[in-house]
């Protein structure tokens, strides 16, 4: 167990929510001015994707359309510091995967391939025109790669923020003597406990309420923090979060591994975190911690190399959710890809 204390696996990137994730658009779907956080704290346009609805929020105008996908257990509102800046140049859209944010609950396993299918129908039925520059963090980066690797995907570029890699768990287990798998299993168990508590109703002031609900991001203002807390009280949110977690290193990774091929000349910019999520506060990084971060960068480099126009760089001071800790770096990466597309 000493090795787990070194990694701080409770901070693993996949499940931040557990540890502290219509056929025409009305005019209200497009915001002319930069929105406040309040706009993200309510549903915008609910688009049917086959008997279920996903929340879609677009602003700006122009082509290509930039589409953002959040990490596991996270909603589209995570992009509130990035989307408005990108929308000053072109059309920019966020959405909530099934069970997240304001979207309807999941009705099938929350896998990367299923999420990519949902995204396809969201863009089609929501009449969001391509080509698309897709931007994803962590698990969301798995989803957008799965989408981009689909036949006839109208994708003009990719921005990957500390992307989840399909071989990540196996590679990090080799460095940690299986400690990463053990730590992740503990996180999934905690998510299941949050689901059980949500189904019963959280007891005000309880440890479960504090751990599962009241862990809002520091960047969130009052309205957005309130919306995030309300979401985490819903059993449907925890069912989706548990399903994403149960599948990410199994089915979802297998799906992406099977789909893998060269991205050819597709513009691709990858950003890698500069701050380890496994550091023990107040202590210098251990040799194993340094090895984990080096392996993470190697995985990001490998994915970027799948495109002849791909690149990867480390963002100093950025945590795993780069768009929340260093939003300016995320905006810069999107602009870089847009320049390459143009």
C-alpha atoms as a PDB file:
ATOM      1  CA  UNK A   1       0.000   0.000   0.000  1.00  0.00           C
ATOM      2  CA  UNK A   2       3.005   2.294   0.350  1.00  0.00           C
ATOM      3  CA  UNK A   3       3.261   2.499  -3.421  1.00  0.00           C
ATOM      4  CA  UNK A   4      -0.343   3.710  -3.642  1.00  0.00           C
ATOM      5  CA  UNK A   5       0.396   6.474  -1.182  1.00  0.00           C
ATOM      6  CA  UNK A   6       3.242   7.545  -3.450  1.00  0.00           C
ATOM      7  CA  UNK A   7       0.916   7.818  -6.447  1.00  0.00           C
ATOM      8  CA  UNK A   8      -2.092   9.290  -4.671  1.00  0.00           C
ATOM      9  CA  UNK A   9      -4.378   7.177  -6.918  1.00  0.00           C
ATOM     10  CA  UNK A  10      -7.448   8.893  -5.477  1.00  0.00           C
ATOM     11  CA  UNK A  11      -6.426  11.775  -7.704  1.00  0.00           C
ATOM     12  CA  UNK A  12      -6.487   9.628 -10.840  1.00  0.00           C
ATOM     13  CA  UNK A  13      -7.604  11.607 -13.802  1.00  0.00           C
ATOM     14  CA  UNK A  14     -10.517   9.591 -15.020  1.00  0.00           C
ATOM     15  CA  UNK A  15     -13.047  10.409 -12.346  1.00  0.00           C
ATOM     16  CA  UNK A  16     -12.625  13.898 -10.903  1.00  0.00           C
ATOM     17  CA  UNK A  17     -16.316  13.942  -9.968  1.00  0.00           C
ATOM     18  CA  UNK A  18     -15.756  10.965  -7.700  1.00  0.00           C
ATOM     19  CA  UNK A  19     -12.534  12.151  -6.165  1.00  0.00           C
ATOM     20  CA  UNK A  20     -12.378  15.782  -5.124  1.00  0.00           C
ATOM     21  CA  UNK A  21     -16.745  14.583 -15.073  1.00  0.00           C
ATOM     22  CA  UNK A  22     -34.922  18.275 -32.329  1.00  0.00           C
ATOM     23  CA  UNK A  23     -33.836  18.644 -35.868  1.00  0.00           C
ATOM     24  CA  UNK A  24     -33.222  22.371 -36.049  1.00  0.00           C
ATOM     25  CA  UNK A  25     -31.563  24.853 -33.795  1.00  0.00           C
ATOM     26  CA  UNK A  26     -33.481  27.887 -32.580  1.00  0.00           C
ATOM     27  CA  UNK A  27     -31.699  31.193 -32.629  1.00  0.00           C
ATOM     28  CA  UNK A  28     -31.047  30.961 -28.900  1.00  0.00           C
ATOM     29  CA  UNK A  29     -28.527  28.192 -29.567  1.00  0.00           C
ATOM     30  CA  UNK A  30     -26.086  30.759 -30.931  1.00  0.00           C
ATOM     31  CA  UNK A  31     -24.809  33.401 -28.552  1.00  0.00           C
ATOM     32  CA  UNK A  32     -23.631  36.641 -30.089  1.00  0.00           C
ATOM     33  CA  UNK A  33     -21.816  37.817 -26.958  1.00  0.00           C
ATOM     34  CA  UNK A  34     -19.429  36.048 -24.637  1.00  0.00           C
ATOM     35  CA  UNK A  35     -21.649  34.164 -22.172  1.00  0.00           C
ATOM     36  CA  UNK A  36     -21.326  34.262 -18.437  1.00  0.00           C
ATOM     37  CA  UNK A  37     -20.996  31.072 -16.431  1.00  0.00           C
ATOM     38  CA  UNK A  38     -24.748  31.308 -15.861  1.00  0.00           C
ATOM     39  CA  UNK A  39     -25.365  30.299 -19.492  1.00  0.00           C
ATOM     40  CA  UNK A  40     -23.549  27.039 -18.841  1.00  0.00           C
ATOM     41  CA  UNK A  41     -25.588  26.379 -15.708  1.00  0.00           C
ATOM     42  CA  UNK A  42     -28.767  25.644 -17.667  1.00  0.00           C
ATOM     43  CA  UNK A  43     -29.783  23.459 -20.584  1.00  0.00           C
ATOM     44  CA  UNK A  44     -29.477  25.045 -24.010  1.00  0.00           C
ATOM     45  CA  UNK A  45     -30.638  22.987 -27.024  1.00  0.00           C
ATOM     46  CA  UNK A  46     -31.780  19.412 -26.470  1.00  0.00           C
ATOM     47  CA  UNK A  47     -31.095  17.358 -29.607  1.00  0.00           C
ATOM     48  CA  UNK A  48     -32.644  13.945 -30.241  1.00  0.00           C
ATOM     49  CA  UNK A  49     -30.073  11.246 -30.990  1.00  0.00           C
ATOM     50  CA  UNK A  50     -32.457   8.306 -31.299  1.00  0.00           C
ATOM     51  CA  UNK A  51     -34.939   8.375 -28.452  1.00  0.00           C
ATOM     52  CA  UNK A  52     -32.546  10.211 -26.150  1.00  0.00           C
ATOM     53  CA  UNK A  53     -31.615  13.879 -26.010  1.00  0.00           C
ATOM     54  CA  UNK A  54     -28.201  15.454 -25.585  1.00  0.00           C
ATOM     55  CA  UNK A  55     -27.586  19.034 -24.524  1.00  0.00           C
ATOM     56  CA  UNK A  56     -25.856  21.180 -27.158  1.00  0.00           C
ATOM     57  CA  UNK A  57     -24.586  24.751 -26.791  1.00  0.00           C
ATOM     58  CA  UNK A  58     -23.076  26.535 -29.799  1.00  0.00           C
ATOM     59  CA  UNK A  59     -21.866  30.083 -30.251  1.00  0.00           C
ATOM     60  CA  UNK A  60     -20.020  32.078 -32.869  1.00  0.00           C
ATOM     61  CA  UNK A  61     -20.025  31.585 -36.628  1.00  0.00           C
ATOM     62  CA  UNK A  62     -17.706  30.358 -39.315  1.00  0.00           C
ATOM     63  CA  UNK A  63     -16.024  27.181 -40.478  1.00  0.00           C
ATOM     64  CA  UNK A  64     -14.649  24.773 -39.434  1.00  0.00           C
ATOM     65  CA  UNK A  65     -16.816  24.090 -36.404  1.00  0.00           C
ATOM     66  CA  UNK A  66     -14.907  23.395 -33.192  1.00  0.00           C
ATOM     67  CA  UNK A  67     -16.535  20.751 -30.964  1.00  0.00           C
ATOM     68  CA  UNK A  68     -15.407  20.144 -27.382  1.00  0.00           C
ATOM     69  CA  UNK A  69     -15.631  16.886 -25.392  1.00  0.00           C
ATOM     70  CA  UNK A  70     -14.967  16.781 -21.636  1.00  0.00           C
ATOM     71  CA  UNK A  71     -13.268  14.135 -19.515  1.00  0.00           C
ATOM     72  CA  UNK A  72     -14.925  11.172 -17.826  1.00  0.00           C
ATOM     73  CA  UNK A  73     -17.624  12.108 -15.365  1.00  0.00           C
ATOM     74  CA  UNK A  74     -17.523  15.696 -16.630  1.00  0.00           C
ATOM     75  CA  UNK A  75     -20.002  17.953 -18.407  1.00  0.00           C
ATOM     76  CA  UNK A  76     -19.544  20.310 -21.331  1.00  0.00           C
ATOM     77  CA  UNK A  77     -19.538  23.293 -18.998  1.00  0.00           C
ATOM     78  CA  UNK A  78     -15.896  22.474 -18.218  1.00  0.00           C
ATOM     79  CA  UNK A  79     -15.035  24.413 -21.389  1.00  0.00           C
ATOM     80  CA  UNK A  80     -16.562  27.702 -20.203  1.00  0.00           C
ATOM     81  CA  UNK A  81     -13.174  29.470 -20.257  1.00  0.00           C
ATOM     82  CA  UNK A  82     -12.186  28.173 -23.697  1.00  0.00           C
ATOM     83  CA  UNK A  83     -15.308  28.039 -25.873  1.00  0.00           C
ATOM     84  CA  UNK A  84     -16.074  31.804 -25.841  1.00  0.00           C
ATOM     85  CA  UNK A  85     -12.526  32.648 -26.917  1.00  0.00           C
ATOM     86  CA  UNK A  86     -12.637  30.195 -29.806  1.00  0.00           C
ATOM     87  CA  UNK A  87     -16.111  31.480 -30.768  1.00  0.00           C
ATOM     88  CA  UNK A  88     -14.589  34.889 -31.485  1.00  0.00           C
ATOM     89  CA  UNK A  89     -13.001  33.255 -34.531  1.00  0.00           C
ATOM     90  CA  UNK A  90     -15.342  30.451 -35.627  1.00  0.00           C
ATOM     91  CA  UNK A  91     -18.339  28.418 -34.544  1.00  0.00           C
ATOM     92  CA  UNK A  92     -17.709  26.566 -31.285  1.00  0.00           C
ATOM     93  CA  UNK A  93     -19.928  23.933 -29.660  1.00  0.00           C
ATOM     94  CA  UNK A  94     -19.931  22.067 -26.377  1.00  0.00           C
ATOM     95  CA  UNK A  95     -22.193  19.159 -25.514  1.00  0.00           C
ATOM     96  CA  UNK A  96     -22.953  16.795 -22.661  1.00  0.00           C
ATOM     97  CA  UNK A  97     -22.504  13.070 -23.153  1.00  0.00           C
ATOM     98  CA  UNK A  98     -25.398  10.863 -22.047  1.00  0.00           C
ATOM     99  CA  UNK A  99     -25.906  11.106 -18.294  1.00  0.00           C
ATOM    100  CA  UNK A 100     -23.713  14.198 -17.992  1.00  0.00           C
ATOM    101  CA  UNK A 101     -24.764  17.807 -17.563  1.00  0.00           C
ATOM    102  CA  UNK A 102     -28.294  18.284 -18.839  1.00  0.00           C
ATOM    103  CA  UNK A 103     -28.412  15.331 -21.238  1.00  0.00           C
ATOM    104  CA  UNK A 104     -30.758  12.378 -20.829  1.00  0.00           C
ATOM    105  CA  UNK A 105     -29.546   9.310 -18.897  1.00  0.00           C
ATOM    106  CA  UNK A 106     -27.578   6.509 -20.526  1.00  0.00           C
ATOM    107  CA  UNK A 107     -29.575   3.681 -22.091  1.00  0.00           C
ATOM    108  CA  UNK A 108     -26.592   1.483 -23.025  1.00  0.00           C
ATOM    109  CA  UNK A 109     -23.002   1.026 -21.821  1.00  0.00           C
ATOM    110  CA  UNK A 110     -21.033   4.276 -21.779  1.00  0.00           C
ATOM    111  CA  UNK A 111     -18.228   3.273 -24.133  1.00  0.00           C
ATOM    112  CA  UNK A 112     -16.085   5.421 -26.402  1.00  0.00           C
ATOM    113  CA  UNK A 113     -17.678   3.940 -29.534  1.00  0.00           C
ATOM    114  CA  UNK A 114     -21.207   4.552 -28.248  1.00  0.00           C
ATOM    115  CA  UNK A 115     -20.278   8.114 -27.319  1.00  0.00           C
ATOM    116  CA  UNK A 116     -18.796   8.658 -30.784  1.00  0.00           C
ATOM    117  CA  UNK A 117     -22.027   7.399 -32.357  1.00  0.00           C
ATOM    118  CA  UNK A 118     -24.021   9.760 -30.167  1.00  0.00           C
ATOM    119  CA  UNK A 119     -21.780  12.632 -31.221  1.00  0.00           C
ATOM    120  CA  UNK A 120     -22.317  11.754 -34.883  1.00  0.00           C
ATOM    121  CA  UNK A 121     -26.099  11.898 -34.523  1.00  0.00           C
ATOM    122  CA  UNK A 122     -25.911  15.010 -32.346  1.00  0.00           C
ATOM    123  CA  UNK A 123     -24.058  16.914 -35.045  1.00  0.00           C
ATOM    124  CA  UNK A 124     -26.257  15.515 -37.813  1.00  0.00           C
ATOM    125  CA  UNK A 125     -29.625  16.026 -36.117  1.00  0.00           C
ATOM    126  CA  UNK A 126     -28.532  19.291 -34.546  1.00  0.00           C
ATOM    127  CA  UNK A 127     -27.573  20.536 -38.007  1.00  0.00           C
ATOM    128  CA  UNK A 128     -24.073  21.455 -36.937  1.00  0.00           C
ATOM    129  CA  UNK A 129     -22.126  21.639 -40.206  1.00  0.00           C
ATOM    130  CA  UNK A 130     -18.665  20.240 -40.739  1.00  0.00           C
ATOM    131  CA  UNK A 131     -15.830  20.111 -41.189  1.00  0.00           C
ATOM    132  CA  UNK A 132     -15.033  19.718 -37.501  1.00  0.00           C
ATOM    133  CA  UNK A 133     -12.039  20.443 -35.343  1.00  0.00           C
ATOM    134  CA  UNK A 134     -12.519  18.169 -32.349  1.00  0.00           C
ATOM    135  CA  UNK A 135     -11.093  19.044 -28.938  1.00  0.00           C
ATOM    136  CA  UNK A 136     -11.037  16.525 -26.084  1.00  0.00           C
ATOM    137  CA  UNK A 137      -9.561  16.083 -22.633  1.00  0.00           C
ATOM    138  CA  UNK A 138      -8.720  12.701 -21.099  1.00  0.00           C
ATOM    139  CA  UNK A 139     -11.570  10.258 -21.864  1.00  0.00           C
ATOM    140  CA  UNK A 140     -13.133  12.905 -24.106  1.00  0.00           C
ATOM    141  CA  UNK A 141      -9.975  12.695 -26.222  1.00  0.00           C
ATOM    142  CA  UNK A 142     -10.609   8.954 -26.620  1.00  0.00           C
ATOM    143  CA  UNK A 143     -14.141   9.699 -27.807  1.00  0.00           C
ATOM    144  CA  UNK A 144     -13.126  12.274 -30.402  1.00  0.00           C
ATOM    145  CA  UNK A 145     -10.385  10.010 -31.761  1.00  0.00           C
ATOM    146  CA  UNK A 146     -12.936   7.207 -32.050  1.00  0.00           C
ATOM    147  CA  UNK A 147     -15.164   9.662 -33.953  1.00  0.00           C
ATOM    148  CA  UNK A 148     -12.324  10.818 -36.215  1.00  0.00           C
ATOM    149  CA  UNK A 149     -11.442   7.215 -37.098  1.00  0.00           C
ATOM    150  CA  UNK A 150     -14.997   6.442 -38.250  1.00  0.00           C
ATOM    151  CA  UNK A 151     -15.505   6.071 -42.014  1.00  0.00           C
ATOM    152  CA  UNK A 152     -16.254   9.365 -43.765  1.00  0.00           C
ATOM    153  CA  UNK A 153     -15.797  11.407 -40.589  1.00  0.00           C
ATOM    154  CA  UNK A 154     -15.736  15.070 -41.624  1.00  0.00           C
ATOM    155  CA  UNK A 155     -12.848  15.963 -39.316  1.00  0.00           C
ATOM    156  CA  UNK A 156     -10.405  18.736 -40.207  1.00  0.00           C
ATOM    157  CA  UNK A 157      -8.231  18.620 -37.095  1.00  0.00           C
ATOM    158  CA  UNK A 158      -7.748  17.318 -33.558  1.00  0.00           C
ATOM    159  CA  UNK A 159      -6.698  18.910 -30.279  1.00  0.00           C
ATOM    160  CA  UNK A 160      -5.890  16.365 -27.563  1.00  0.00           C
ATOM    161  CA  UNK A 161      -5.450  17.546 -23.973  1.00  0.00           C
ATOM    162  CA  UNK A 162      -3.628  14.945 -21.865  1.00  0.00           C
ATOM    163  CA  UNK A 163      -5.486  12.261 -23.791  1.00  0.00           C
ATOM    164  CA  UNK A 164      -6.424   8.923 -22.298  1.00  0.00           C
ATOM    165  CA  UNK A 165      -4.352   6.229 -24.028  1.00  0.00           C
ATOM    166  CA  UNK A 166      -5.790   2.808 -24.762  1.00  0.00           C
ATOM    167  CA  UNK A 167      -2.722   1.068 -23.301  1.00  0.00           C
ATOM    168  CA  UNK A 168      -2.255   3.420 -20.377  1.00  0.00           C
ATOM    169  CA  UNK A 169      -3.257   1.164 -17.511  1.00  0.00           C
ATOM    170  CA  UNK A 170      -1.087  -1.742 -18.669  1.00  0.00           C
ATOM    171  CA  UNK A 171       1.923   0.489 -19.258  1.00  0.00           C
ATOM    172  CA  UNK A 172       1.638   2.272 -15.919  1.00  0.00           C
ATOM    173  CA  UNK A 173       1.032  -0.991 -14.082  1.00  0.00           C
ATOM    174  CA  UNK A 174       4.473  -2.121 -15.244  1.00  0.00           C
ATOM    175  CA  UNK A 175       5.968   0.906 -13.525  1.00  0.00           C
ATOM    176  CA  UNK A 176       3.930   0.536 -10.341  1.00  0.00           C
ATOM    177  CA  UNK A 177       3.882  -3.214  -9.821  1.00  0.00           C
ATOM    178  CA  UNK A 178       0.122  -3.228 -10.429  1.00  0.00           C
ATOM    179  CA  UNK A 179      -0.474  -0.280  -8.136  1.00  0.00           C
ATOM    180  CA  UNK A 180      -2.258   1.781 -10.770  1.00  0.00           C
ATOM    181  CA  UNK A 181      -4.886  -0.911 -11.332  1.00  0.00           C
ATOM    182  CA  UNK A 182      -5.409  -1.224  -7.591  1.00  0.00           C
ATOM    183  CA  UNK A 183      -5.797   2.519  -7.231  1.00  0.00           C
ATOM    184  CA  UNK A 184      -8.228   2.761 -10.113  1.00  0.00           C
ATOM    185  CA  UNK A 185     -10.301  -0.107  -8.721  1.00  0.00           C
ATOM    186  CA  UNK A 186     -10.650   1.892  -5.526  1.00  0.00           C
ATOM    187  CA  UNK A 187     -11.927   4.880  -7.474  1.00  0.00           C
ATOM    188  CA  UNK A 188     -14.530   2.780  -9.279  1.00  0.00           C
ATOM    189  CA  UNK A 189     -15.648   1.359  -5.934  1.00  0.00           C
ATOM    190  CA  UNK A 190     -16.047   4.904  -4.634  1.00  0.00           C
ATOM    191  CA  UNK A 191     -18.157   5.837  -7.648  1.00  0.00           C
ATOM    192  CA  UNK A 192     -20.372   2.831  -7.004  1.00  0.00           C
ATOM    193  CA  UNK A 193     -20.728   3.948  -3.391  1.00  0.00           C
ATOM    194  CA  UNK A 194     -21.740   7.416  -4.610  1.00  0.00           C
ATOM    195  CA  UNK A 195     -24.324   5.795  -6.885  1.00  0.00           C
ATOM    196  CA  UNK A 196     -25.765   3.817  -3.980  1.00  0.00           C
ATOM    197  CA  UNK A 197     -25.918   6.957  -1.838  1.00  0.00           C
ATOM    198  CA  UNK A 198     -27.551   8.948  -4.652  1.00  0.00           C
ATOM    199  CA  UNK A 199     -30.219   6.278  -5.092  1.00  0.00           C
ATOM    200  CA  UNK A 200     -31.070   6.529  -1.394  1.00  0.00           C
ATOM    201  CA  UNK A 201     -30.675  10.304  -1.286  1.00  0.00           C
ATOM    202  CA  UNK A 202     -27.623  11.976   0.207  1.00  0.00           C
ATOM    203  CA  UNK A 203     -27.846  12.710   3.906  1.00  0.00           C
ATOM    204  CA  UNK A 204     -27.188  16.439   4.443  1.00  0.00           C
ATOM    205  CA  UNK A 205     -23.820  17.009   6.088  1.00  0.00           C
ATOM    206  CA  UNK A 206     -22.718  13.396   5.641  1.00  0.00           C
ATOM    207  CA  UNK A 207     -19.275  12.269   4.522  1.00  0.00           C
ATOM    208  CA  UNK A 208     -20.804  10.823   1.357  1.00  0.00           C
ATOM    209  CA  UNK A 209     -22.384  14.154   0.479  1.00  0.00           C
ATOM    210  CA  UNK A 210     -19.043  15.905   0.954  1.00  0.00           C
ATOM    211  CA  UNK A 211     -17.118  13.332  -1.070  1.00  0.00           C
ATOM    212  CA  UNK A 212     -19.625  12.783  -3.870  1.00  0.00           C
ATOM    213  CA  UNK A 213     -21.395  16.123  -4.226  1.00  0.00           C
ATOM    214  CA  UNK A 214     -19.673  19.079  -2.602  1.00  0.00           C
ATOM    215  CA  UNK A 215     -16.343  19.016  -4.440  1.00  0.00           C
ATOM    216  CA  UNK A 216     -16.872  21.820  -6.933  1.00  0.00           C
ATOM    217  CA  UNK A 217     -13.997  23.101  -9.046  1.00  0.00           C
ATOM    218  CA  UNK A 218     -12.413  26.302  -7.809  1.00  0.00           C
ATOM    219  CA  UNK A 219     -12.927  27.922 -11.216  1.00  0.00           C
ATOM    220  CA  UNK A 220     -16.695  27.535 -10.994  1.00  0.00           C
ATOM    221  CA  UNK A 221     -18.783  30.504  -9.889  1.00  0.00           C
ATOM    222  CA  UNK A 222     -21.884  30.144  -7.663  1.00  0.00           C
ATOM    223  CA  UNK A 223     -24.388  29.261 -10.409  1.00  0.00           C
ATOM    224  CA  UNK A 224     -22.138  26.729 -12.105  1.00  0.00           C
ATOM    225  CA  UNK A 225     -21.112  25.189  -8.791  1.00  0.00           C
ATOM    226  CA  UNK A 226     -24.790  24.869  -7.900  1.00  0.00           C
ATOM    227  CA  UNK A 227     -25.546  23.165 -11.224  1.00  0.00           C
ATOM    228  CA  UNK A 228     -22.619  20.770 -10.754  1.00  0.00           C
ATOM    229  CA  UNK A 229     -23.783  19.855  -7.249  1.00  0.00           C
ATOM    230  CA  UNK A 230     -27.341  19.302  -8.475  1.00  0.00           C
ATOM    231  CA  UNK A 231     -26.035  16.968 -11.180  1.00  0.00           C
ATOM    232  CA  UNK A 232     -24.031  14.936  -8.674  1.00  0.00           C
ATOM    233  CA  UNK A 233     -27.129  14.317  -6.588  1.00  0.00           C
ATOM    234  CA  UNK A 234     -28.726  12.426  -9.482  1.00  0.00           C
ATOM    235  CA  UNK A 235     -28.416   8.622  -9.665  1.00  0.00           C
ATOM    236  CA  UNK A 236     -28.410   8.946 -13.469  1.00  0.00           C
ATOM    237  CA  UNK A 237     -25.147  10.900 -13.316  1.00  0.00           C
ATOM    238  CA  UNK A 238     -23.463   8.262 -11.189  1.00  0.00           C
ATOM    239  CA  UNK A 239     -24.751   5.432 -13.399  1.00  0.00           C
ATOM    240  CA  UNK A 240     -23.120   7.118 -16.388  1.00  0.00           C
ATOM    241  CA  UNK A 241     -19.932   7.843 -14.448  1.00  0.00           C
ATOM    242  CA  UNK A 242     -19.672   4.261 -13.216  1.00  0.00           C
ATOM    243  CA  UNK A 243     -20.318   2.930 -16.717  1.00  0.00           C
ATOM    244  CA  UNK A 244     -17.648   5.165 -18.261  1.00  0.00           C
ATOM    245  CA  UNK A 245     -15.193   4.028 -15.573  1.00  0.00           C
ATOM    246  CA  UNK A 246     -16.021   0.347 -15.912  1.00  0.00           C
ATOM    247  CA  UNK A 247     -15.463   0.501 -19.663  1.00  0.00           C
ATOM    248  CA  UNK A 248     -12.587   2.932 -20.103  1.00  0.00           C
ATOM    249  CA  UNK A 249      -9.724   0.470 -19.637  1.00  0.00           C
ATOM    250  CA  UNK A 250     -11.618  -2.494 -21.090  1.00  0.00           C
ATOM    251  CA  UNK A 251     -14.207  -2.059 -23.842  1.00  0.00           C
ATOM    252  CA  UNK A 252     -13.443   1.573 -24.689  1.00  0.00           C
ATOM    253  CA  UNK A 253      -9.707   0.913 -24.889  1.00  0.00           C
ATOM    254  CA  UNK A 254     -10.304  -2.192 -27.003  1.00  0.00           C
ATOM    255  CA  UNK A 255     -12.501  -0.173 -29.357  1.00  0.00           C
ATOM    256  CA  UNK A 256      -9.902   2.541 -29.854  1.00  0.00           C
ATOM    257  CA  UNK A 257      -7.099  -0.005 -30.209  1.00  0.00           C
ATOM    258  CA  UNK A 258      -9.057  -1.811 -32.939  1.00  0.00           C
ATOM    259  CA  UNK A 259      -9.772   1.442 -34.770  1.00  0.00           C
ATOM    260  CA  UNK A 260      -6.180   2.742 -34.630  1.00  0.00           C
ATOM    261  CA  UNK A 261      -4.538   3.786 -37.869  1.00  0.00           C
ATOM    262  CA  UNK A 262      -2.533   6.696 -39.180  1.00  0.00           C
ATOM    263  CA  UNK A 263      -4.165  10.113 -39.100  1.00  0.00           C
ATOM    264  CA  UNK A 264      -2.315  10.919 -42.315  1.00  0.00           C
ATOM    265  CA  UNK A 265      -1.888  14.680 -42.777  1.00  0.00           C
ATOM    266  CA  UNK A 266      -4.618  15.622 -40.292  1.00  0.00           C
ATOM    267  CA  UNK A 267      -3.622  18.690 -38.254  1.00  0.00           C
ATOM    268  CA  UNK A 268      -3.153  17.465 -34.689  1.00  0.00           C
ATOM    269  CA  UNK A 269      -1.923  19.279 -31.595  1.00  0.00           C
ATOM    270  CA  UNK A 270      -1.474  17.404 -28.339  1.00  0.00           C
ATOM    271  CA  UNK A 271      -0.868  19.024 -24.954  1.00  0.00           C
ATOM    272  CA  UNK A 272       0.567  17.136 -21.990  1.00  0.00           C
ATOM    273  CA  UNK A 273       0.146  18.083 -18.346  1.00  0.00           C
ATOM    274  CA  UNK A 274       3.110  19.649 -16.582  1.00  0.00           C
ATOM    275  CA  UNK A 275       1.955  18.828 -13.052  1.00  0.00           C
ATOM    276  CA  UNK A 276       1.623  15.219 -11.920  1.00  0.00           C
ATOM    277  CA  UNK A 277      -1.729  14.239 -10.363  1.00  0.00           C
ATOM    278  CA  UNK A 278       0.112  11.711  -8.202  1.00  0.00           C
ATOM    279  CA  UNK A 279       2.399  14.037  -6.260  1.00  0.00           C
ATOM    280  CA  UNK A 280       2.288  13.926  -2.478  1.00  0.00           C
ATOM    281  CA  UNK A 281       1.778  17.548  -1.335  1.00  0.00           C
ATOM    282  CA  UNK A 282       4.918  19.025   0.159  1.00  0.00           C
ATOM    283  CA  UNK A 283       7.161  16.236  -1.086  1.00  0.00           C
ATOM    284  CA  UNK A 284       9.415  16.079  -4.147  1.00  0.00           C
ATOM    285  CA  UNK A 285       8.430  13.650  -6.908  1.00  0.00           C
ATOM    286  CA  UNK A 286       9.644  10.105  -6.379  1.00  0.00           C
ATOM    287  CA  UNK A 287      11.543   8.125  -8.994  1.00  0.00           C
ATOM    288  CA  UNK A 288       8.392   6.161  -9.778  1.00  0.00           C
ATOM    289  CA  UNK A 289       6.383   9.367 -10.085  1.00  0.00           C
ATOM    290  CA  UNK A 290       8.920  10.741 -12.554  1.00  0.00           C
ATOM    291  CA  UNK A 291       8.715   7.494 -14.515  1.00  0.00           C
ATOM    292  CA  UNK A 292       4.913   7.754 -14.675  1.00  0.00           C
ATOM    293  CA  UNK A 293       5.071  11.292 -16.047  1.00  0.00           C
ATOM    294  CA  UNK A 294       7.733  10.315 -18.589  1.00  0.00           C
ATOM    295  CA  UNK A 295       5.561   7.412 -19.742  1.00  0.00           C
ATOM    296  CA  UNK A 296       2.531   9.684 -19.995  1.00  0.00           C
ATOM    297  CA  UNK A 297       4.465  12.073 -22.225  1.00  0.00           C
ATOM    298  CA  UNK A 298       5.680   9.139 -24.322  1.00  0.00           C
ATOM    299  CA  UNK A 299       2.090   8.023 -24.908  1.00  0.00           C
ATOM    300  CA  UNK A 300       1.059  11.538 -25.941  1.00  0.00           C
ATOM    301  CA  UNK A 301       4.071  11.729 -28.275  1.00  0.00           C
ATOM    302  CA  UNK A 302       3.126   8.412 -29.878  1.00  0.00           C
ATOM    303  CA  UNK A 303      -0.422   9.525 -30.651  1.00  0.00           C
ATOM    304  CA  UNK A 304       0.771  12.865 -32.052  1.00  0.00           C
ATOM    305  CA  UNK A 305       3.196  10.962 -34.306  1.00  0.00           C
ATOM    306  CA  UNK A 306       0.252   9.180 -35.946  1.00  0.00           C
ATOM    307  CA  UNK A 307      -0.198  12.381 -37.960  1.00  0.00           C
ATOM    308  CA  UNK A 308       2.476  13.752 -40.266  1.00  0.00           C
ATOM    309  CA  UNK A 309       1.321  17.170 -39.048  1.00  0.00           C
ATOM    310  CA  UNK A 310       1.091  16.209 -35.391  1.00  0.00           C
ATOM    311  CA  UNK A 311       2.920  17.690 -32.418  1.00  0.00           C
ATOM    312  CA  UNK A 312       2.934  17.338 -28.649  1.00  0.00           C
ATOM    313  CA  UNK A 313       4.203  19.700 -25.987  1.00  0.00           C
ATOM    314  CA  UNK A 314       4.184  19.867 -22.203  1.00  0.00           C
ATOM    315  CA  UNK A 315       2.298  22.785 -20.653  1.00  0.00           C
ATOM    316  CA  UNK A 316       4.229  23.939 -17.608  1.00  0.00           C
ATOM    317  CA  UNK A 317       2.026  24.369 -14.554  1.00  0.00           C
ATOM    318  CA  UNK A 318      -0.932  22.613 -16.170  1.00  0.00           C
ATOM    319  CA  UNK A 319      -2.831  19.913 -14.345  1.00  0.00           C
ATOM    320  CA  UNK A 320      -4.531  17.023 -16.136  1.00  0.00           C
ATOM    321  CA  UNK A 321      -7.588  19.167 -16.935  1.00  0.00           C
ATOM    322  CA  UNK A 322      -5.474  21.604 -18.924  1.00  0.00           C
ATOM    323  CA  UNK A 323      -8.493  23.611 -20.082  1.00  0.00           C
ATOM    324  CA  UNK A 324      -9.388  24.387 -16.456  1.00  0.00           C
ATOM    325  CA  UNK A 325      -5.907  25.031 -15.062  1.00  0.00           C
ATOM    326  CA  UNK A 326      -4.363  26.680 -18.140  1.00  0.00           C
ATOM    327  CA  UNK A 327      -7.269  27.656 -20.432  1.00  0.00           C
ATOM    328  CA  UNK A 328      -5.062  30.008 -22.435  1.00  0.00           C
ATOM    329  CA  UNK A 329      -2.925  27.040 -23.500  1.00  0.00           C
ATOM    330  CA  UNK A 330      -6.009  25.168 -24.691  1.00  0.00           C
ATOM    331  CA  UNK A 331      -7.183  28.204 -26.670  1.00  0.00           C
ATOM    332  CA  UNK A 332      -3.736  28.577 -28.233  1.00  0.00           C
ATOM    333  CA  UNK A 333      -3.729  24.917 -29.296  1.00  0.00           C
ATOM    334  CA  UNK A 334      -7.137  25.258 -30.955  1.00  0.00           C
ATOM    335  CA  UNK A 335      -6.002  28.393 -32.775  1.00  0.00           C
ATOM    336  CA  UNK A 336      -2.879  26.573 -33.940  1.00  0.00           C
ATOM    337  CA  UNK A 337      -4.965  23.795 -35.483  1.00  0.00           C
ATOM    338  CA  UNK A 338      -7.349  26.322 -37.055  1.00  0.00           C
ATOM    339  CA  UNK A 339      -4.340  28.035 -38.646  1.00  0.00           C
ATOM    340  CA  UNK A 340      -3.171  24.680 -40.005  1.00  0.00           C
ATOM    341  CA  UNK A 341      -6.633  23.958 -41.410  1.00  0.00           C
ATOM    342  CA  UNK A 342      -6.890  27.331 -43.104  1.00  0.00           C
END
